[in-house]
Each structure stands twice: as C-alpha cells, then as structure tokens.
C-alpha cells in the first residue's frame, strides 16, 4: 500500500493517457499532478514529489530534460521514464540523467509501481521471467545502435548519418520505421 508520502507527478504530452494514468494512481491513493510539457513541471517546484512518471518524447520537449528539473527540488523522488520507442541508448541516457527506471510502453500500473519500489533490476528480472531467454532480432540491434549513435550526436541526424556511413535521408527512413521486436 502507498504511504502518506505519495505525491506523483506525471509528465506526459498525451492528455488522455496522462488522465488515465492519473485516475489509476488516484484509485491507489496517490496525490497526482499532471504536467503536459517542461513549462508545466515548473508549476510544481514548491510541491515535494515522491514519484514521477516521465514520457521520453514530449511534443516540443525532450522528456530527458524533465529529470534534472524534478531532481533539483525533489532529489529523492523515484523517477520512471516511459517510452514507446525503447532502446539501450536511451535507457542509458535516462539513467545518466538520474532516472531510477526505464519502461517501454505498453506498461501496466503494477509494473510502474514495482519500478517505484524496486528499481530497474527487479523490473528487468520480471520481464526476463515472462519472456523467457529470447534474443533481440538483428533489426532490433541495428535500431538500438543507430539510436545510440544518434544520442552521441545529440540528435544531429546529419552527423549521425556521417558516423554510420549512411545518407541522411536513409537514416531518416530507418528512424521513421516502427521499432522492431
């Protein structure tokens, strides 16, 4: 059960999804605050945040930038990054920014709460048990490497394409494709 210290900040640009998450967590006795972008986070600077769910991709903002902002006024907050486009590179980057866990959508409330309680190691073990010893596909490994190089180039497509030995438009086409399994 949730303790008295259960303020939850949801940073999500999809208002419907944010409100659905908020309703689920309110049913679990969390006090929930919603920010739709980085400017919205600043409204809660004087509110102690114990938990945060941050979407990796916000419309005009990068969810990674929310992590240090939240840490600046709530250094002990448990921060979980959610993304529909998971990769090793962004998981590493989120951890370096100060996230406690990184989960790929779709995700259920129990997984998020488990991440709040246990951190990455327990979540990774749960997923491994449920998936079995499955190996990622070659396409998945390629995508993760491309995203790693792109992160190293601070999102600069032209520089990443140069480092990968690809034409810029070819790299953009690869990135537009859905993330492989």
C-alpha atoms as a PDB file:
ATOM      1  CA  UNK A   1       0.000   0.000   0.000  1.00  0.00           C
ATOM      2  CA  UNK A   2       1.073   3.604  -0.540  1.00  0.00           C
ATOM      3  CA  UNK A   3       2.458   5.638   2.337  1.00  0.00           C
ATOM      4  CA  UNK A   4       1.498   9.203   3.246  1.00  0.00           C
ATOM      5  CA  UNK A   5       4.394  10.352   1.050  1.00  0.00           C
ATOM      6  CA  UNK A   6       2.757   9.577  -2.246  1.00  0.00           C
ATOM      7  CA  UNK A   7       2.827  12.686  -4.420  1.00  0.00           C
ATOM      8  CA  UNK A   8       3.096  11.611  -8.049  1.00  0.00           C
ATOM      9  CA  UNK A   9       3.974  13.873 -10.967  1.00  0.00           C
ATOM     10  CA  UNK A  10       3.033  12.635 -14.431  1.00  0.00           C
ATOM     11  CA  UNK A  11       4.867  14.371 -17.284  1.00  0.00           C
ATOM     12  CA  UNK A  12       3.036  13.282 -20.428  1.00  0.00           C
ATOM     13  CA  UNK A  13       2.044  15.269 -23.526  1.00  0.00           C
ATOM     14  CA  UNK A  14      -0.905  12.992 -24.349  1.00  0.00           C
ATOM     15  CA  UNK A  15      -3.567  14.409 -22.043  1.00  0.00           C
ATOM     16  CA  UNK A  16      -5.902  11.398 -22.358  1.00  0.00           C
ATOM     17  CA  UNK A  17      -3.141   8.967 -21.422  1.00  0.00           C
ATOM     18  CA  UNK A  18      -1.979  11.238 -18.576  1.00  0.00           C
ATOM     19  CA  UNK A  19      -5.507  11.441 -17.174  1.00  0.00           C
ATOM     20  CA  UNK A  20      -5.988   7.674 -17.461  1.00  0.00           C
ATOM     21  CA  UNK A  21      -2.733   7.095 -15.552  1.00  0.00           C
ATOM     22  CA  UNK A  22      -3.750   9.711 -13.003  1.00  0.00           C
ATOM     23  CA  UNK A  23      -7.116   8.023 -12.408  1.00  0.00           C
ATOM     24  CA  UNK A  24      -5.435   4.651 -11.855  1.00  0.00           C
ATOM     25  CA  UNK A  25      -2.959   6.101  -9.366  1.00  0.00           C
ATOM     26  CA  UNK A  26      -5.619   8.151  -7.563  1.00  0.00           C
ATOM     27  CA  UNK A  27      -7.509   4.884  -7.056  1.00  0.00           C
ATOM     28  CA  UNK A  28      -4.330   3.660  -5.344  1.00  0.00           C
ATOM     29  CA  UNK A  29      -4.320   6.704  -3.013  1.00  0.00           C
ATOM     30  CA  UNK A  30      -1.621   8.746  -4.724  1.00  0.00           C
ATOM     31  CA  UNK A  31      -1.969  12.513  -4.926  1.00  0.00           C
ATOM     32  CA  UNK A  32      -1.419  13.097  -8.639  1.00  0.00           C
ATOM     33  CA  UNK A  33      -0.210  16.156 -10.529  1.00  0.00           C
ATOM     34  CA  UNK A  34      -0.044  16.362 -14.336  1.00  0.00           C
ATOM     35  CA  UNK A  35       2.330  18.404 -16.495  1.00  0.00           C
ATOM     36  CA  UNK A  36       1.909  18.284 -20.261  1.00  0.00           C
ATOM     37  CA  UNK A  37       5.350  19.790 -21.004  1.00  0.00           C
ATOM     38  CA  UNK A  38       8.516  21.114 -19.358  1.00  0.00           C
ATOM     39  CA  UNK A  39       6.940  24.505 -18.600  1.00  0.00           C
ATOM     40  CA  UNK A  40       4.123  22.700 -16.804  1.00  0.00           C
ATOM     41  CA  UNK A  41       6.613  20.993 -14.472  1.00  0.00           C
ATOM     42  CA  UNK A  42       7.693  24.320 -13.041  1.00  0.00           C
ATOM     43  CA  UNK A  43       4.216  24.811 -11.537  1.00  0.00           C
ATOM     44  CA  UNK A  44       5.063  22.090  -9.009  1.00  0.00           C
ATOM     45  CA  UNK A  45       8.512  23.328  -7.862  1.00  0.00           C
ATOM     46  CA  UNK A  46       7.221  24.019  -4.356  1.00  0.00           C
ATOM     47  CA  UNK A  47       5.495  20.643  -4.112  1.00  0.00           C
ATOM     48  CA  UNK A  48       7.525  17.726  -2.761  1.00  0.00           C
ATOM     49  CA  UNK A  49       7.388  14.988  -5.383  1.00  0.00           C
ATOM     50  CA  UNK A  50       7.932  11.402  -4.240  1.00  0.00           C
ATOM     51  CA  UNK A  51       7.311   9.667  -7.568  1.00  0.00           C
ATOM     52  CA  UNK A  52       7.410  10.805 -11.189  1.00  0.00           C
ATOM     53  CA  UNK A  53       6.447   9.221 -14.484  1.00  0.00           C
ATOM     54  CA  UNK A  54       8.103  10.973 -17.409  1.00  0.00           C
ATOM     55  CA  UNK A  55       7.327  10.331 -21.063  1.00  0.00           C
ATOM     56  CA  UNK A  56      10.539  10.272 -23.088  1.00  0.00           C
ATOM     57  CA  UNK A  57       9.074  12.115 -26.061  1.00  0.00           C
ATOM     58  CA  UNK A  58       7.075  15.222 -25.341  1.00  0.00           C
ATOM     59  CA  UNK A  59       5.793  17.184 -28.340  1.00  0.00           C
ATOM     60  CA  UNK A  60       8.169  20.160 -28.350  1.00  0.00           C
ATOM     61  CA  UNK A  61      10.347  18.979 -25.465  1.00  0.00           C
ATOM     62  CA  UNK A  62      12.582  16.077 -24.568  1.00  0.00           C
ATOM     63  CA  UNK A  63      11.442  14.152 -21.501  1.00  0.00           C
ATOM     64  CA  UNK A  64      15.085  13.619 -20.513  1.00  0.00           C
ATOM     65  CA  UNK A  65      15.234  17.329 -19.681  1.00  0.00           C
ATOM     66  CA  UNK A  66      12.491  16.850 -17.076  1.00  0.00           C
ATOM     67  CA  UNK A  67      14.615  14.511 -14.952  1.00  0.00           C
ATOM     68  CA  UNK A  68      17.173  17.070 -13.660  1.00  0.00           C
ATOM     69  CA  UNK A  69      14.408  19.642 -13.159  1.00  0.00           C
ATOM     70  CA  UNK A  70      12.484  17.236 -10.905  1.00  0.00           C
ATOM     71  CA  UNK A  71      15.696  16.147  -9.147  1.00  0.00           C
ATOM     72  CA  UNK A  72      16.574  19.796  -8.396  1.00  0.00           C
ATOM     73  CA  UNK A  73      13.645  20.195  -5.987  1.00  0.00           C
ATOM     74  CA  UNK A  74      12.865  16.552  -5.128  1.00  0.00           C
ATOM     75  CA  UNK A  75      16.238  14.763  -5.050  1.00  0.00           C
ATOM     76  CA  UNK A  76      14.807  11.556  -3.539  1.00  0.00           C
ATOM     77  CA  UNK A  77      11.933  11.176  -5.989  1.00  0.00           C
ATOM     78  CA  UNK A  78      11.650   7.822  -7.748  1.00  0.00           C
ATOM     79  CA  UNK A  79      11.562   8.656 -11.459  1.00  0.00           C
ATOM     80  CA  UNK A  80      10.330   6.205 -14.084  1.00  0.00           C
ATOM     81  CA  UNK A  81      10.793   7.046 -17.763  1.00  0.00           C
ATOM     82  CA  UNK A  82       8.167   5.631 -20.132  1.00  0.00           C
ATOM     83  CA  UNK A  83       8.644   5.354 -23.867  1.00  0.00           C
ATOM     84  CA  UNK A  84       7.038   3.747 -26.852  1.00  0.00           C
ATOM     85  CA  UNK A  85      10.434   3.700 -28.590  1.00  0.00           C
ATOM     86  CA  UNK A  86      12.722   1.867 -26.189  1.00  0.00           C
ATOM     87  CA  UNK A  87      16.399   1.390 -26.844  1.00  0.00           C
ATOM     88  CA  UNK A  88      19.509   0.647 -24.848  1.00  0.00           C
ATOM     89  CA  UNK A  89      20.947   4.045 -25.751  1.00  0.00           C
ATOM     90  CA  UNK A  90      18.005   5.997 -24.369  1.00  0.00           C
ATOM     91  CA  UNK A  91      17.822   3.754 -21.293  1.00  0.00           C
ATOM     92  CA  UNK A  92      21.476   4.502 -20.542  1.00  0.00           C
ATOM     93  CA  UNK A  93      20.927   8.190 -21.185  1.00  0.00           C
ATOM     94  CA  UNK A  94      17.885   8.264 -18.876  1.00  0.00           C
ATOM     95  CA  UNK A  95      19.870   6.556 -16.120  1.00  0.00           C
ATOM     96  CA  UNK A  96      22.732   9.022 -16.525  1.00  0.00           C
ATOM     97  CA  UNK A  97      20.217  11.878 -16.231  1.00  0.00           C
ATOM     98  CA  UNK A  98      19.001  10.402 -12.925  1.00  0.00           C
ATOM     99  CA  UNK A  99      16.031   8.180 -13.770  1.00  0.00           C
ATOM    100  CA  UNK A 100      15.516   5.198 -11.475  1.00  0.00           C
ATOM    101  CA  UNK A 101      13.765   3.025 -14.065  1.00  0.00           C
ATOM    102  CA  UNK A 102      13.030   2.901 -17.779  1.00  0.00           C
ATOM    103  CA  UNK A 103       9.974   1.074 -19.096  1.00  0.00           C
ATOM    104  CA  UNK A 104       8.723   0.520 -22.632  1.00  0.00           C
ATOM    105  CA  UNK A 105       5.027   1.013 -23.395  1.00  0.00           C
ATOM    106  CA  UNK A 106       2.633  -0.674 -23.219  1.00  0.00           C
ATOM    107  CA  UNK A 107       3.003  -0.947 -19.477  1.00  0.00           C
ATOM    108  CA  UNK A 108       0.543  -1.617 -16.684  1.00  0.00           C
ATOM    109  CA  UNK A 109       0.202   0.180 -13.357  1.00  0.00           C
ATOM    110  CA  UNK A 110       1.625  -2.773 -11.407  1.00  0.00           C
ATOM    111  CA  UNK A 111       4.854  -2.615 -13.437  1.00  0.00           C
ATOM    112  CA  UNK A 112       5.203   1.104 -12.733  1.00  0.00           C
ATOM    113  CA  UNK A 113       4.584   0.608  -9.017  1.00  0.00           C
ATOM    114  CA  UNK A 114       7.092  -2.233  -8.991  1.00  0.00           C
ATOM    115  CA  UNK A 115       9.615   0.101 -10.620  1.00  0.00           C
ATOM    116  CA  UNK A 116       8.898   2.714  -7.926  1.00  0.00           C
ATOM    117  CA  UNK A 117       9.552   0.154  -5.204  1.00  0.00           C
ATOM    118  CA  UNK A 118      12.376  -1.863  -6.679  1.00  0.00           C
ATOM    119  CA  UNK A 119      14.146  -0.023  -9.464  1.00  0.00           C
ATOM    120  CA  UNK A 120      15.460  -1.366 -12.758  1.00  0.00           C
ATOM    121  CA  UNK A 121      16.893  -4.682 -11.578  1.00  0.00           C
ATOM    122  CA  UNK A 122      13.587  -6.101 -10.373  1.00  0.00           C
ATOM    123  CA  UNK A 123      11.722  -4.898 -13.446  1.00  0.00           C
ATOM    124  CA  UNK A 124      14.324  -6.447 -15.732  1.00  0.00           C
ATOM    125  CA  UNK A 125      14.068  -9.768 -13.849  1.00  0.00           C
ATOM    126  CA  UNK A 126      10.261  -9.752 -14.092  1.00  0.00           C
ATOM    127  CA  UNK A 127      10.389  -9.164 -17.829  1.00  0.00           C
ATOM    128  CA  UNK A 128      13.021 -11.862 -18.349  1.00  0.00           C
ATOM    129  CA  UNK A 129      10.924 -14.390 -16.459  1.00  0.00           C
ATOM    130  CA  UNK A 130       7.846 -13.596 -18.501  1.00  0.00           C
ATOM    131  CA  UNK A 131       9.604 -13.505 -21.864  1.00  0.00           C
ATOM    132  CA  UNK A 132      11.992 -16.389 -21.397  1.00  0.00           C
ATOM    133  CA  UNK A 133      15.517 -16.390 -22.832  1.00  0.00           C
ATOM    134  CA  UNK A 134      14.537 -14.528 -26.007  1.00  0.00           C
ATOM    135  CA  UNK A 135      17.216 -12.754 -28.018  1.00  0.00           C
ATOM    136  CA  UNK A 136      16.632  -9.458 -29.805  1.00  0.00           C
ATOM    137  CA  UNK A 137      16.445  -9.583 -33.591  1.00  0.00           C
ATOM    138  CA  UNK A 138      19.197  -8.270 -35.828  1.00  0.00           C
ATOM    139  CA  UNK A 139      16.885  -5.422 -36.852  1.00  0.00           C
ATOM    140  CA  UNK A 140      16.361  -4.534 -33.168  1.00  0.00           C
ATOM    141  CA  UNK A 141      20.125  -4.500 -32.541  1.00  0.00           C
ATOM    142  CA  UNK A 142      20.624  -2.298 -35.597  1.00  0.00           C
ATOM    143  CA  UNK A 143      17.951   0.126 -34.382  1.00  0.00           C
ATOM    144  CA  UNK A 144      19.472   0.314 -30.903  1.00  0.00           C
ATOM    145  CA  UNK A 145      22.915   1.003 -32.341  1.00  0.00           C
ATOM    146  CA  UNK A 146      21.513   3.731 -34.600  1.00  0.00           C
ATOM    147  CA  UNK A 147      19.761   5.341 -31.631  1.00  0.00           C
ATOM    148  CA  UNK A 148      22.958   5.077 -29.572  1.00  0.00           C
ATOM    149  CA  UNK A 149      24.961   6.889 -32.288  1.00  0.00           C
ATOM    150  CA  UNK A 150      22.178   9.461 -32.662  1.00  0.00           C
ATOM    151  CA  UNK A 151      22.237  10.102 -28.900  1.00  0.00           C
ATOM    152  CA  UNK A 152      26.033  10.502 -29.046  1.00  0.00           C
ATOM    153  CA  UNK A 153      25.484  13.151 -31.747  1.00  0.00           C
ATOM    154  CA  UNK A 154      22.929  14.992 -29.576  1.00  0.00           C
ATOM    155  CA  UNK A 155      20.171  14.166 -32.059  1.00  0.00           C
ATOM    156  CA  UNK A 156      22.000  15.621 -35.076  1.00  0.00           C
ATOM    157  CA  UNK A 157      20.807  13.428 -37.977  1.00  0.00           C
ATOM    158  CA  UNK A 158      23.473  14.628 -40.416  1.00  0.00           C
ATOM    159  CA  UNK A 159      26.342  13.899 -38.014  1.00  0.00           C
ATOM    160  CA  UNK A 160      24.892  10.511 -37.034  1.00  0.00           C
ATOM    161  CA  UNK A 161      24.461   9.579 -40.703  1.00  0.00           C
ATOM    162  CA  UNK A 162      28.082  10.550 -41.376  1.00  0.00           C
ATOM    163  CA  UNK A 163      29.325   8.387 -38.475  1.00  0.00           C
ATOM    164  CA  UNK A 164      27.184   5.460 -39.615  1.00  0.00           C
ATOM    165  CA  UNK A 165      28.249   5.775 -43.256  1.00  0.00           C
ATOM    166  CA  UNK A 166      24.652   6.366 -44.401  1.00  0.00           C
ATOM    167  CA  UNK A 167      22.959   9.039 -46.433  1.00  0.00           C
ATOM    168  CA  UNK A 168      20.984  11.394 -44.183  1.00  0.00           C
ATOM    169  CA  UNK A 169      17.680  10.525 -45.875  1.00  0.00           C
ATOM    170  CA  UNK A 170      18.352   6.783 -45.496  1.00  0.00           C
ATOM    171  CA  UNK A 171      18.894   7.272 -41.785  1.00  0.00           C
ATOM    172  CA  UNK A 172      15.684   9.292 -41.517  1.00  0.00           C
ATOM    173  CA  UNK A 173      13.754   6.496 -43.279  1.00  0.00           C
ATOM    174  CA  UNK A 174      15.173   3.914 -40.865  1.00  0.00           C
ATOM    175  CA  UNK A 175      14.159   6.052 -37.891  1.00  0.00           C
ATOM    176  CA  UNK A 176      10.602   6.507 -39.183  1.00  0.00           C
ATOM    177  CA  UNK A 177      10.038   2.757 -39.195  1.00  0.00           C
ATOM    178  CA  UNK A 178       8.467   1.194 -36.122  1.00  0.00           C
ATOM    179  CA  UNK A 179      10.853  -0.152 -33.530  1.00  0.00           C
ATOM    180  CA  UNK A 180      11.490  -3.848 -34.321  1.00  0.00           C
ATOM    181  CA  UNK A 181      10.941  -6.579 -31.740  1.00  0.00           C
END
